PDB file of N, CA and C in Angstrom:
ATOM      1  N   UNK A   1     -16.867 -65.185 -36.401  1.00  0.00           N
ATOM      2  CA  UNK A   1     -16.230 -64.221 -35.764  1.00  0.00           C
ATOM      3  C   UNK A   1     -14.936 -63.951 -36.367  1.00  0.00           C
ATOM      4  N   UNK A   2     -14.555 -62.677 -36.638  1.00  0.00           N
ATOM      5  CA  UNK A   2     -13.254 -62.286 -37.156  1.00  0.00           C
ATOM      6  C   UNK A   2     -12.047 -62.588 -36.255  1.00  0.00           C
ATOM      7  N   UNK A   3     -11.053 -63.470 -36.718  1.00  0.00           N
ATOM      8  CA  UNK A   3      -9.940 -63.758 -35.900  1.00  0.00           C
ATOM      9  C   UNK A   3      -9.116 -62.665 -35.576  1.00  0.00           C
ATOM     10  N   UNK A   4      -9.114 -61.537 -36.393  1.00  0.00           N
ATOM     11  CA  UNK A   4      -8.333 -60.468 -36.112  1.00  0.00           C
ATOM     12  C   UNK A   4      -8.777 -59.593 -34.874  1.00  0.00           C
ATOM     13  N   UNK A   5     -10.014 -60.004 -34.328  1.00  0.00           N
ATOM     14  CA  UNK A   5     -10.433 -59.215 -33.158  1.00  0.00           C
ATOM     15  C   UNK A   5      -9.732 -59.832 -31.930  1.00  0.00           C
ATOM     16  N   UNK A   6      -9.112 -61.077 -32.080  1.00  0.00           N
ATOM     17  CA  UNK A   6      -8.382 -61.599 -30.935  1.00  0.00           C
ATOM     18  C   UNK A   6      -7.019 -61.025 -30.836  1.00  0.00           C
ATOM     19  N   UNK A   7      -7.016 -59.957 -30.215  1.00  0.00           N
ATOM     20  CA  UNK A   7      -5.738 -59.071 -30.267  1.00  0.00           C
ATOM     21  C   UNK A   7      -4.979 -58.899 -29.093  1.00  0.00           C
ATOM     22  N   UNK A   8      -5.575 -59.573 -27.941  1.00  0.00           N
ATOM     23  CA  UNK A   8      -4.936 -59.401 -26.669  1.00  0.00           C
ATOM     24  C   UNK A   8      -4.453 -60.801 -26.174  1.00  0.00           C
ATOM     25  N   UNK A   9      -3.318 -60.861 -25.724  1.00  0.00           N
ATOM     26  CA  UNK A   9      -2.766 -62.153 -25.256  1.00  0.00           C
ATOM     27  C   UNK A   9      -2.990 -62.143 -23.737  1.00  0.00           C
ATOM     28  N   UNK A  10      -3.685 -63.106 -23.270  1.00  0.00           N
ATOM     29  CA  UNK A  10      -4.123 -63.210 -21.814  1.00  0.00           C
ATOM     30  C   UNK A  10      -3.578 -64.576 -21.323  1.00  0.00           C
ATOM     31  N   UNK A  11      -3.455 -64.692 -19.931  1.00  0.00           N
ATOM     32  CA  UNK A  11      -3.041 -65.844 -19.349  1.00  0.00           C
ATOM     33  C   UNK A  11      -4.119 -66.417 -18.470  1.00  0.00           C
ATOM     34  N   UNK A  12      -4.494 -67.572 -18.737  1.00  0.00           N
ATOM     35  CA  UNK A  12      -5.512 -68.341 -17.804  1.00  0.00           C
ATOM     36  C   UNK A  12      -4.857 -69.081 -16.710  1.00  0.00           C
ATOM     37  N   UNK A  13      -5.092 -68.701 -15.473  1.00  0.00           N
ATOM     38  CA  UNK A  13      -4.466 -69.396 -14.407  1.00  0.00           C
ATOM     39  C   UNK A  13      -5.379 -70.340 -13.714  1.00  0.00           C
ATOM     40  N   UNK A  14      -4.971 -71.416 -13.169  1.00  0.00           N
ATOM     41  CA  UNK A  14      -5.831 -72.327 -12.384  1.00  0.00           C
ATOM     42  C   UNK A  14      -5.249 -72.268 -10.953  1.00  0.00           C
ATOM     43  N   UNK A  15      -6.260 -72.594 -10.071  1.00  0.00           N
ATOM     44  CA  UNK A  15      -5.983 -72.450  -8.576  1.00  0.00           C
ATOM     45  C   UNK A  15      -5.581 -73.897  -8.138  1.00  0.00           C
ATOM     46  N   UNK A  16      -4.666 -74.096  -7.306  1.00  0.00           N
ATOM     47  CA  UNK A  16      -4.341 -75.276  -6.729  1.00  0.00           C
ATOM     48  C   UNK A  16      -4.187 -75.104  -5.184  1.00  0.00           C
ATOM     49  N   UNK A  17      -4.373 -76.061  -4.505  1.00  0.00           N
ATOM     50  CA  UNK A  17      -4.358 -76.082  -2.905  1.00  0.00           C
ATOM     51  C   UNK A  17      -3.535 -77.372  -2.628  1.00  0.00           C
ATOM     52  N   UNK A  18      -2.557 -77.251  -2.003  1.00  0.00           N
ATOM     53  CA  UNK A  18      -1.849 -78.398  -1.429  1.00  0.00           C
ATOM     54  C   UNK A  18      -1.387 -78.235   0.062  1.00  0.00           C
ATOM     55  N   UNK A  19      -1.065 -79.338   0.659  1.00  0.00           N
ATOM     56  CA  UNK A  19      -0.641 -79.244   2.115  1.00  0.00           C
ATOM     57  C   UNK A  19       0.831 -79.385   2.219  1.00  0.00           C
ATOM     58  N   UNK A  20       1.405 -78.435   2.978  1.00  0.00           N
ATOM     59  CA  UNK A  20       2.832 -78.138   3.198  1.00  0.00           C
ATOM     60  C   UNK A  20       3.327 -79.429   3.921  1.00  0.00           C
ATOM     61  N   UNK A  21       4.438 -80.037   3.425  1.00  0.00           N
ATOM     62  CA  UNK A  21       4.968 -81.219   4.285  1.00  0.00           C
ATOM     63  C   UNK A  21       5.696 -80.745   5.547  1.00  0.00           C
ATOM     64  N   UNK A  22       6.202 -79.366   5.607  1.00  0.00           N
ATOM     65  CA  UNK A  22       6.821 -79.045   6.680  1.00  0.00           C
ATOM     66  C   UNK A  22       5.946 -78.452   7.894  1.00  0.00           C
ATOM     67  N   UNK A  23       4.843 -77.770   7.409  1.00  0.00           N
ATOM     68  CA  UNK A  23       3.986 -77.043   8.402  1.00  0.00           C
ATOM     69  C   UNK A  23       2.558 -77.799   8.544  1.00  0.00           C
ATOM     70  N   UNK A  24       2.189 -78.549   7.511  1.00  0.00           N
ATOM     71  CA  UNK A  24       0.844 -79.161   7.638  1.00  0.00           C
ATOM     72  C   UNK A  24      -0.139 -78.095   7.207  1.00  0.00           C
ATOM     73  N   UNK A  25       0.161 -76.904   6.809  1.00  0.00           N
ATOM     74  CA  UNK A  25      -0.908 -76.006   6.502  1.00  0.00           C
ATOM     75  C   UNK A  25      -1.124 -76.119   5.047  1.00  0.00           C
ATOM     76  N   UNK A  26      -2.318 -75.456   4.550  1.00  0.00           N
ATOM     77  CA  UNK A  26      -2.787 -75.488   3.206  1.00  0.00           C
ATOM     78  C   UNK A  26      -1.910 -74.436   2.499  1.00  0.00           C
ATOM     79  N   UNK A  27      -1.420 -74.759   1.338  1.00  0.00           N
ATOM     80  CA  UNK A  27      -0.654 -73.678   0.589  1.00  0.00           C
ATOM     81  C   UNK A  27      -1.528 -73.439  -0.614  1.00  0.00           C
ATOM     82  N   UNK A  28      -1.754 -72.330  -0.901  1.00  0.00           N
ATOM     83  CA  UNK A  28      -2.651 -71.810  -2.147  1.00  0.00           C
ATOM     84  C   UNK A  28      -1.729 -71.253  -3.267  1.00  0.00           C
ATOM     85  N   UNK A  29      -1.858 -71.711  -4.403  1.00  0.00           N
ATOM     86  CA  UNK A  29      -1.105 -71.141  -5.480  1.00  0.00           C
ATOM     87  C   UNK A  29      -1.712 -71.061  -6.905  1.00  0.00           C
ATOM     88  N   UNK A  30      -1.322 -70.323  -7.698  1.00  0.00           N
ATOM     89  CA  UNK A  30      -1.909 -70.126  -8.966  1.00  0.00           C
ATOM     90  C   UNK A  30      -0.758 -70.523  -9.996  1.00  0.00           C
ATOM     91  N   UNK A  31      -1.338 -71.381 -11.021  1.00  0.00           N
ATOM     92  CA  UNK A  31      -0.267 -71.779 -12.056  1.00  0.00           C
ATOM     93  C   UNK A  31      -0.990 -71.528 -13.457  1.00  0.00           C
ATOM     94  N   UNK A  32      -0.085 -71.272 -14.451  1.00  0.00           N
ATOM     95  CA  UNK A  32      -0.482 -71.045 -15.746  1.00  0.00           C
ATOM     96  C   UNK A  32      -1.271 -72.293 -16.398  1.00  0.00           C
ATOM     97  N   UNK A  33      -2.434 -72.149 -16.881  1.00  0.00           N
ATOM     98  CA  UNK A  33      -3.246 -73.228 -17.479  1.00  0.00           C
ATOM     99  C   UNK A  33      -3.015 -73.039 -19.126  1.00  0.00           C
ATOM    100  N   UNK A  34      -3.142 -71.760 -19.485  1.00  0.00           N
ATOM    101  CA  UNK A  34      -2.874 -71.609 -20.889  1.00  0.00           C
ATOM    102  C   UNK A  34      -2.701 -69.993 -21.258  1.00  0.00           C
ATOM    103  N   UNK A  35      -2.006 -69.726 -22.310  1.00  0.00           N
ATOM    104  CA  UNK A  35      -2.004 -68.372 -22.656  1.00  0.00           C
ATOM    105  C   UNK A  35      -2.780 -68.465 -23.976  1.00  0.00           C
ATOM    106  N   UNK A  36      -3.719 -67.524 -24.227  1.00  0.00           N
ATOM    107  CA  UNK A  36      -4.623 -67.485 -25.328  1.00  0.00           C
ATOM    108  C   UNK A  36      -4.914 -66.122 -25.801  1.00  0.00           C
ATOM    109  N   UNK A  37      -5.065 -65.993 -27.105  1.00  0.00           N
ATOM    110  CA  UNK A  37      -5.435 -64.709 -27.691  1.00  0.00           C
ATOM    111  C   UNK A  37      -6.933 -64.550 -27.410  1.00  0.00           C
ATOM    112  N   UNK A  38      -7.314 -63.380 -27.114  1.00  0.00           N
ATOM    113  CA  UNK A  38      -8.807 -62.929 -26.579  1.00  0.00           C
ATOM    114  C   UNK A  38      -9.105 -61.561 -27.250  1.00  0.00           C
ATOM    115  N   UNK A  39     -10.430 -61.589 -27.442  1.00  0.00           N
ATOM    116  CA  UNK A  39     -11.011 -60.180 -27.714  1.00  0.00           C
ATOM    117  C   UNK A  39     -11.481 -59.657 -26.272  1.00  0.00           C
ATOM    118  N   UNK A  40     -11.206 -58.522 -25.970  1.00  0.00           N
ATOM    119  CA  UNK A  40     -11.597 -57.934 -24.540  1.00  0.00           C
ATOM    120  C   UNK A  40     -12.635 -56.905 -24.777  1.00  0.00           C
ATOM    121  N   UNK A  41     -13.737 -57.048 -23.999  1.00  0.00           N
ATOM    122  CA  UNK A  41     -14.816 -56.059 -24.129  1.00  0.00           C
ATOM    123  C   UNK A  41     -14.980 -55.691 -22.692  1.00  0.00           C
ATOM    124  N   UNK A  42     -14.456 -54.461 -22.328  1.00  0.00           N
ATOM    125  CA  UNK A  42     -14.658 -53.821 -21.028  1.00  0.00           C
ATOM    126  C   UNK A  42     -16.041 -53.148 -21.012  1.00  0.00           C
ATOM    127  N   UNK A  43     -16.588 -53.216 -19.740  1.00  0.00           N
ATOM    128  CA  UNK A  43     -17.983 -52.541 -19.583  1.00  0.00           C
ATOM    129  C   UNK A  43     -17.855 -51.098 -19.543  1.00  0.00           C
ATOM    130  N   UNK A  44     -18.914 -50.558 -20.075  1.00  0.00           N
ATOM    131  CA  UNK A  44     -18.940 -49.044 -20.028  1.00  0.00           C
ATOM    132  C   UNK A  44     -19.393 -48.608 -18.560  1.00  0.00           C
ATOM    133  N   UNK A  45     -19.794 -49.533 -17.843  1.00  0.00           N
ATOM    134  CA  UNK A  45     -20.216 -49.117 -16.503  1.00  0.00           C
ATOM    135  C   UNK A  45     -19.835 -50.312 -15.516  1.00  0.00           C
ATOM    136  N   UNK A  46     -19.599 -50.042 -14.291  1.00  0.00           N
ATOM    137  CA  UNK A  46     -19.396 -51.043 -13.331  1.00  0.00           C
ATOM    138  C   UNK A  46     -20.558 -51.288 -12.437  1.00  0.00           C
ATOM    139  N   UNK A  47     -20.527 -52.036 -11.318  1.00  0.00           N
ATOM    140  CA  UNK A  47     -21.590 -52.266 -10.464  1.00  0.00           C
ATOM    141  C   UNK A  47     -21.167 -51.688  -9.086  1.00  0.00           C
ATOM    142  N   UNK A  48     -22.061 -51.281  -8.268  1.00  0.00           N
ATOM    143  CA  UNK A  48     -21.809 -50.775  -6.969  1.00  0.00           C
ATOM    144  C   UNK A  48     -22.664 -51.362  -5.987  1.00  0.00           C
ATOM    145  N   UNK A  49     -22.553 -52.653  -5.667  1.00  0.00           N
ATOM    146  CA  UNK A  49     -23.337 -53.279  -4.666  1.00  0.00           C
ATOM    147  C   UNK A  49     -23.002 -52.710  -3.374  1.00  0.00           C
ATOM    148  N   UNK A  50     -24.031 -52.849  -2.476  1.00  0.00           N
ATOM    149  CA  UNK A  50     -23.759 -52.417  -1.068  1.00  0.00           C
ATOM    150  C   UNK A  50     -23.570 -53.666  -0.272  1.00  0.00           C
ATOM    151  N   UNK A  51     -22.469 -53.526   0.523  1.00  0.00           N
ATOM    152  CA  UNK A  51     -21.949 -54.601   1.443  1.00  0.00           C
ATOM    153  C   UNK A  51     -21.615 -53.939   2.792  1.00  0.00           C
ATOM    154  N   UNK A  52     -22.419 -54.299   3.778  1.00  0.00           N
ATOM    155  CA  UNK A  52     -22.284 -53.711   5.113  1.00  0.00           C
ATOM    156  C   UNK A  52     -22.309 -52.277   5.066  1.00  0.00           C
ATOM    157  N   UNK A  53     -23.414 -51.843   4.503  1.00  0.00           N
ATOM    158  CA  UNK A  53     -23.597 -50.237   4.284  1.00  0.00           C
ATOM    159  C   UNK A  53     -22.509 -49.608   3.656  1.00  0.00           C
ATOM    160  N   UNK A  54     -21.738 -50.185   2.775  1.00  0.00           N
ATOM    161  CA  UNK A  54     -20.527 -49.693   2.162  1.00  0.00           C
ATOM    162  C   UNK A  54     -20.679 -50.022   0.660  1.00  0.00           C
ATOM    163  N   UNK A  55     -20.534 -48.998  -0.066  1.00  0.00           N
ATOM    164  CA  UNK A  55     -20.580 -49.335  -1.614  1.00  0.00           C
ATOM    165  C   UNK A  55     -19.195 -49.804  -2.019  1.00  0.00           C
ATOM    166  N   UNK A  56     -19.281 -50.732  -2.946  1.00  0.00           N
ATOM    167  CA  UNK A  56     -18.105 -51.397  -3.594  1.00  0.00           C
ATOM    168  C   UNK A  56     -18.185 -51.278  -5.153  1.00  0.00           C
ATOM    169  N   UNK A  57     -17.270 -50.734  -5.741  1.00  0.00           N
ATOM    170  CA  UNK A  57     -17.288 -50.745  -7.136  1.00  0.00           C
ATOM    171  C   UNK A  57     -16.570 -52.140  -7.687  1.00  0.00           C
ATOM    172  N   UNK A  58     -17.309 -52.748  -8.710  1.00  0.00           N
ATOM    173  CA  UNK A  58     -17.037 -53.819  -9.214  1.00  0.00           C
ATOM    174  C   UNK A  58     -16.787 -53.664 -10.767  1.00  0.00           C
ATOM    175  N   UNK A  59     -15.594 -53.984 -11.314  1.00  0.00           N
ATOM    176  CA  UNK A  59     -15.414 -53.726 -12.694  1.00  0.00           C
ATOM    177  C   UNK A  59     -15.398 -55.105 -13.333  1.00  0.00           C
ATOM    178  N   UNK A  60     -16.392 -55.238 -14.401  1.00  0.00           N
ATOM    179  CA  UNK A  60     -16.617 -56.462 -15.051  1.00  0.00           C
ATOM    180  C   UNK A  60     -16.069 -56.348 -16.536  1.00  0.00           C
ATOM    181  N   UNK A  61     -15.378 -57.390 -17.002  1.00  0.00           N
ATOM    182  CA  UNK A  61     -14.762 -57.537 -18.270  1.00  0.00           C
ATOM    183  C   UNK A  61     -15.080 -58.808 -18.912  1.00  0.00           C
ATOM    184  N   UNK A  62     -15.514 -58.746 -20.263  1.00  0.00           N
ATOM    185  CA  UNK A  62     -15.785 -60.073 -21.044  1.00  0.00           C
ATOM    186  C   UNK A  62     -14.487 -60.417 -21.869  1.00  0.00           C
ATOM    187  N   UNK A  63     -13.969 -61.594 -21.762  1.00  0.00           N
ATOM    188  CA  UNK A  63     -12.957 -62.087 -22.532  1.00  0.00           C
ATOM    189  C   UNK A  63     -13.545 -63.067 -23.473  1.00  0.00           C
ATOM    190  N   UNK A  64     -13.437 -62.940 -24.867  1.00  0.00           N
ATOM    191  CA  UNK A  64     -13.866 -63.918 -25.788  1.00  0.00           C
ATOM    192  C   UNK A  64     -12.654 -64.566 -26.353  1.00  0.00           C
ATOM    193  N   UNK A  65     -12.672 -65.931 -26.147  1.00  0.00           N
ATOM    194  CA  UNK A  65     -11.465 -66.722 -26.617  1.00  0.00           C
ATOM    195  C   UNK A  65     -11.936 -67.919 -27.453  1.00  0.00           C
ATOM    196  N   UNK A  66     -11.109 -68.752 -28.053  1.00  0.00           N
ATOM    197  CA  UNK A  66     -11.495 -69.932 -28.623  1.00  0.00           C
ATOM    198  C   UNK A  66     -11.945 -70.890 -27.459  1.00  0.00           C
ATOM    199  N   UNK A  67     -12.821 -71.777 -27.773  1.00  0.00           N
ATOM    200  CA  UNK A  67     -13.471 -72.675 -26.586  1.00  0.00           C
ATOM    201  C   UNK A  67     -12.240 -73.590 -26.140  1.00  0.00           C
ATOM    202  N   UNK A  68     -12.380 -73.905 -24.780  1.00  0.00           N
ATOM    203  CA  UNK A  68     -11.501 -74.810 -24.264  1.00  0.00           C
ATOM    204  C   UNK A  68     -12.332 -75.561 -23.038  1.00  0.00           C
ATOM    205  N   UNK A  69     -12.515 -77.014 -23.262  1.00  0.00           N
ATOM    206  CA  UNK A  69     -13.376 -77.554 -22.363  1.00  0.00           C
ATOM    207  C   UNK A  69     -12.847 -77.536 -20.961  1.00  0.00           C
ATOM    208  N   UNK A  70     -11.476 -77.166 -20.704  1.00  0.00           N
ATOM    209  CA  UNK A  70     -10.955 -77.111 -19.468  1.00  0.00           C
ATOM    210  C   UNK A  70     -11.171 -75.834 -18.554  1.00  0.00           C
ATOM    211  N   UNK A  71     -11.789 -74.838 -19.242  1.00  0.00           N
ATOM    212  CA  UNK A  71     -12.075 -73.669 -18.546  1.00  0.00           C
ATOM    213  C   UNK A  71     -13.081 -73.951 -17.490  1.00  0.00           C
ATOM    214  N   UNK A  72     -12.984 -73.282 -16.288  1.00  0.00           N
ATOM    215  CA  UNK A  72     -13.938 -73.285 -15.274  1.00  0.00           C
ATOM    216  C   UNK A  72     -13.965 -72.109 -14.316  1.00  0.00           C
ATOM    217  N   UNK A  73     -14.962 -71.947 -13.604  1.00  0.00           N
ATOM    218  CA  UNK A  73     -15.030 -70.773 -12.780  1.00  0.00           C
ATOM    219  C   UNK A  73     -14.060 -70.612 -11.463  1.00  0.00           C
ATOM    220  N   UNK A  74     -13.220 -71.651 -11.377  1.00  0.00           N
ATOM    221  CA  UNK A  74     -12.366 -71.438 -10.258  1.00  0.00           C
ATOM    222  C   UNK A  74     -11.108 -70.966 -10.802  1.00  0.00           C
ATOM    223  N   UNK A  75     -11.009 -70.611 -12.087  1.00  0.00           N
ATOM    224  CA  UNK A  75      -9.801 -69.973 -12.701  1.00  0.00           C
ATOM    225  C   UNK A  75      -9.820 -68.494 -12.740  1.00  0.00           C
ATOM    226  N   UNK A  76      -8.653 -67.900 -13.096  1.00  0.00           N
ATOM    227  CA  UNK A  76      -8.747 -66.511 -13.166  1.00  0.00           C
ATOM    228  C   UNK A  76      -7.875 -66.063 -14.419  1.00  0.00           C
ATOM    229  N   UNK A  77      -8.046 -64.791 -14.904  1.00  0.00           N
ATOM    230  CA  UNK A  77      -7.338 -64.312 -16.070  1.00  0.00           C
ATOM    231  C   UNK A  77      -6.295 -63.242 -15.613  1.00  0.00           C
ATOM    232  N   UNK A  78      -5.097 -63.220 -16.123  1.00  0.00           N
ATOM    233  CA  UNK A  78      -4.156 -62.297 -15.845  1.00  0.00           C
ATOM    234  C   UNK A  78      -3.927 -61.510 -17.131  1.00  0.00           C
ATOM    235  N   UNK A  79      -4.409 -60.232 -17.147  1.00  0.00           N
ATOM    236  CA  UNK A  79      -4.231 -59.353 -18.349  1.00  0.00           C
ATOM    237  C   UNK A  79      -3.893 -57.929 -17.839  1.00  0.00           C
ATOM    238  N   UNK A  80      -2.761 -57.444 -18.638  1.00  0.00           N
ATOM    239  CA  UNK A  80      -2.345 -56.162 -18.251  1.00  0.00           C
ATOM    240  C   UNK A  80      -1.851 -56.039 -16.871  1.00  0.00           C
ATOM    241  N   UNK A  81      -1.397 -57.047 -16.089  1.00  0.00           N
ATOM    242  CA  UNK A  81      -0.974 -56.894 -14.753  1.00  0.00           C
ATOM    243  C   UNK A  81      -2.127 -56.912 -13.759  1.00  0.00           C
ATOM    244  N   UNK A  82      -3.345 -57.253 -14.302  1.00  0.00           N
ATOM    245  CA  UNK A  82      -4.468 -57.248 -13.243  1.00  0.00           C
ATOM    246  C   UNK A  82      -4.978 -58.617 -13.366  1.00  0.00           C
ATOM    247  N   UNK A  83      -5.630 -58.955 -12.293  1.00  0.00           N
ATOM    248  CA  UNK A  83      -6.243 -60.382 -12.134  1.00  0.00           C
ATOM    249  C   UNK A  83      -7.765 -60.228 -12.165  1.00  0.00           C
ATOM    250  N   UNK A  84      -8.449 -61.110 -13.018  1.00  0.00           N
ATOM    251  CA  UNK A  84      -9.986 -61.309 -13.178  1.00  0.00           C
ATOM    252  C   UNK A  84     -10.409 -62.391 -12.789  1.00  0.00           C
ATOM    253  N   UNK A  85     -11.285 -62.597 -11.921  1.00  0.00           N
ATOM    254  CA  UNK A  85     -11.793 -63.919 -11.592  1.00  0.00           C
ATOM    255  C   UNK A  85     -12.906 -64.195 -12.534  1.00  0.00           C
ATOM    256  N   UNK A  86     -13.050 -65.378 -12.991  1.00  0.00           N
ATOM    257  CA  UNK A  86     -14.075 -65.926 -13.918  1.00  0.00           C
ATOM    258  C   UNK A  86     -15.346 -66.131 -13.159  1.00  0.00           C
ATOM    259  N   UNK A  87     -16.293 -65.427 -13.661  1.00  0.00           N
ATOM    260  CA  UNK A  87     -17.721 -65.630 -12.904  1.00  0.00           C
ATOM    261  C   UNK A  87     -18.593 -66.498 -13.649  1.00  0.00           C
ATOM    262  N   UNK A  88     -18.521 -66.533 -15.069  1.00  0.00           N
ATOM    263  CA  UNK A  88     -19.349 -67.312 -15.818  1.00  0.00           C
ATOM    264  C   UNK A  88     -18.675 -67.546 -17.221  1.00  0.00           C
ATOM    265  N   UNK A  89     -18.995 -68.726 -17.792  1.00  0.00           N
ATOM    266  CA  UNK A  89     -18.528 -69.184 -19.058  1.00  0.00           C
ATOM    267  C   UNK A  89     -19.710 -69.578 -19.888  1.00  0.00           C
ATOM    268  N   UNK A  90     -19.825 -68.793 -20.951  1.00  0.00           N
ATOM    269  CA  UNK A  90     -20.868 -69.011 -21.991  1.00  0.00           C
ATOM    270  C   UNK A  90     -20.299 -69.547 -23.303  1.00  0.00           C
ATOM    271  N   UNK A  91     -20.835 -70.540 -23.824  1.00  0.00           N
ATOM    272  CA  UNK A  91     -20.344 -71.206 -25.047  1.00  0.00           C
ATOM    273  C   UNK A  91     -20.974 -70.355 -26.167  1.00  0.00           C
ATOM    274  N   UNK A  92     -20.279 -70.133 -27.232  1.00  0.00           N
ATOM    275  CA  UNK A  92     -20.715 -69.390 -28.360  1.00  0.00           C
ATOM    276  C   UNK A  92     -20.461 -70.300 -29.617  1.00  0.00           C
ATOM    277  N   UNK A  93     -21.425 -70.170 -30.528  1.00  0.00           N
ATOM    278  CA  UNK A  93     -21.263 -70.783 -31.866  1.00  0.00           C
ATOM    279  C   UNK A  93     -20.851 -72.199 -31.846  1.00  0.00           C
ATOM    280  N   UNK A  94     -21.624 -73.079 -30.979  1.00  0.00           N
ATOM    281  CA  UNK A  94     -21.382 -74.452 -31.032  1.00  0.00           C
ATOM    282  C   UNK A  94     -20.043 -74.787 -30.421  1.00  0.00           C
ATOM    283  N   UNK A  95     -19.743 -74.196 -29.372  1.00  0.00           N
ATOM    284  CA  UNK A  95     -18.435 -74.393 -28.751  1.00  0.00           C
ATOM    285  C   UNK A  95     -17.140 -74.111 -29.597  1.00  0.00           C
ATOM    286  N   UNK A  96     -17.298 -73.154 -30.420  1.00  0.00           N
ATOM    287  CA  UNK A  96     -16.230 -72.704 -31.195  1.00  0.00           C
ATOM    288  C   UNK A  96     -15.576 -71.514 -30.384  1.00  0.00           C
ATOM    289  N   UNK A  97     -16.366 -70.728 -29.695  1.00  0.00           N
ATOM    290  CA  UNK A  97     -15.696 -69.629 -28.780  1.00  0.00           C
ATOM    291  C   UNK A  97     -16.226 -69.706 -27.442  1.00  0.00           C
ATOM    292  N   UNK A  98     -15.623 -69.071 -26.442  1.00  0.00           N
ATOM    293  CA  UNK A  98     -16.056 -69.081 -25.115  1.00  0.00           C
ATOM    294  C   UNK A  98     -16.163 -67.616 -24.712  1.00  0.00           C
ATOM    295  N   UNK A  99     -17.196 -67.105 -24.055  1.00  0.00           N
ATOM    296  CA  UNK A  99     -17.258 -65.808 -23.547  1.00  0.00           C
ATOM    297  C   UNK A  99     -17.169 -65.914 -22.110  1.00  0.00           C
ATOM    298  N   UNK A 100     -15.960 -65.384 -21.537  1.00  0.00           N
ATOM    299  CA  UNK A 100     -15.602 -65.529 -20.085  1.00  0.00           C
ATOM    300  C   UNK A 100     -16.086 -64.170 -19.381  1.00  0.00           C
ATOM    301  N   UNK A 101     -17.143 -64.162 -18.601  1.00  0.00           N
ATOM    302  CA  UNK A 101     -17.411 -62.943 -17.836  1.00  0.00           C
ATOM    303  C   UNK A 101     -16.632 -63.017 -16.598  1.00  0.00           C
ATOM    304  N   UNK A 102     -15.913 -61.935 -16.288  1.00  0.00           N
ATOM    305  CA  UNK A 102     -14.993 -61.829 -15.216  1.00  0.00           C
ATOM    306  C   UNK A 102     -15.130 -60.500 -14.496  1.00  0.00           C
ATOM    307  N   UNK A 103     -14.507 -60.621 -13.273  1.00  0.00           N
ATOM    308  CA  UNK A 103     -14.637 -59.441 -12.275  1.00  0.00           C
ATOM    309  C   UNK A 103     -13.283 -59.222 -11.822  1.00  0.00           C
ATOM    310  N   UNK A 104     -12.856 -57.855 -11.879  1.00  0.00           N
ATOM    311  CA  UNK A 104     -11.532 -57.457 -11.548  1.00  0.00           C
ATOM    312  C   UNK A 104     -11.355 -57.689 -10.032  1.00  0.00           C
ATOM    313  N   UNK A 105     -10.258 -58.221  -9.542  1.00  0.00           N
ATOM    314  CA  UNK A 105     -10.046 -58.459  -8.250  1.00  0.00           C
ATOM    315  C   UNK A 105      -9.372 -57.255  -7.491  1.00  0.00           C
ATOM    316  N   UNK A 106      -9.545 -57.236  -6.242  1.00  0.00           N
ATOM    317  CA  UNK A 106      -8.799 -56.016  -5.621  1.00  0.00           C
ATOM    318  C   UNK A 106      -7.583 -56.427  -5.036  1.00  0.00           C
TER     319      UNK A 106
END
């Protein structure tokens, strides 16, 4: 794969949940796991599944990055001010690259 195609800097964020010592409630937060260069492949079409008789448009985007064994589907990607939940991680070329299938969050 041509390294020149990795032309977008994206932030991989990991989800953490802790308990507040003041209130005892769960506190959810996102923290930066890594900033990586990626090749971004936006879908030419989205999906429109029906939920409760209502159509919902879902935008899916593939991010191809160098492989990192720490990636998981509980993470998200911050790119261009938008957040994309990671749906699937596919290893490519013997763990040299990772193809991250994501969905734009609303």
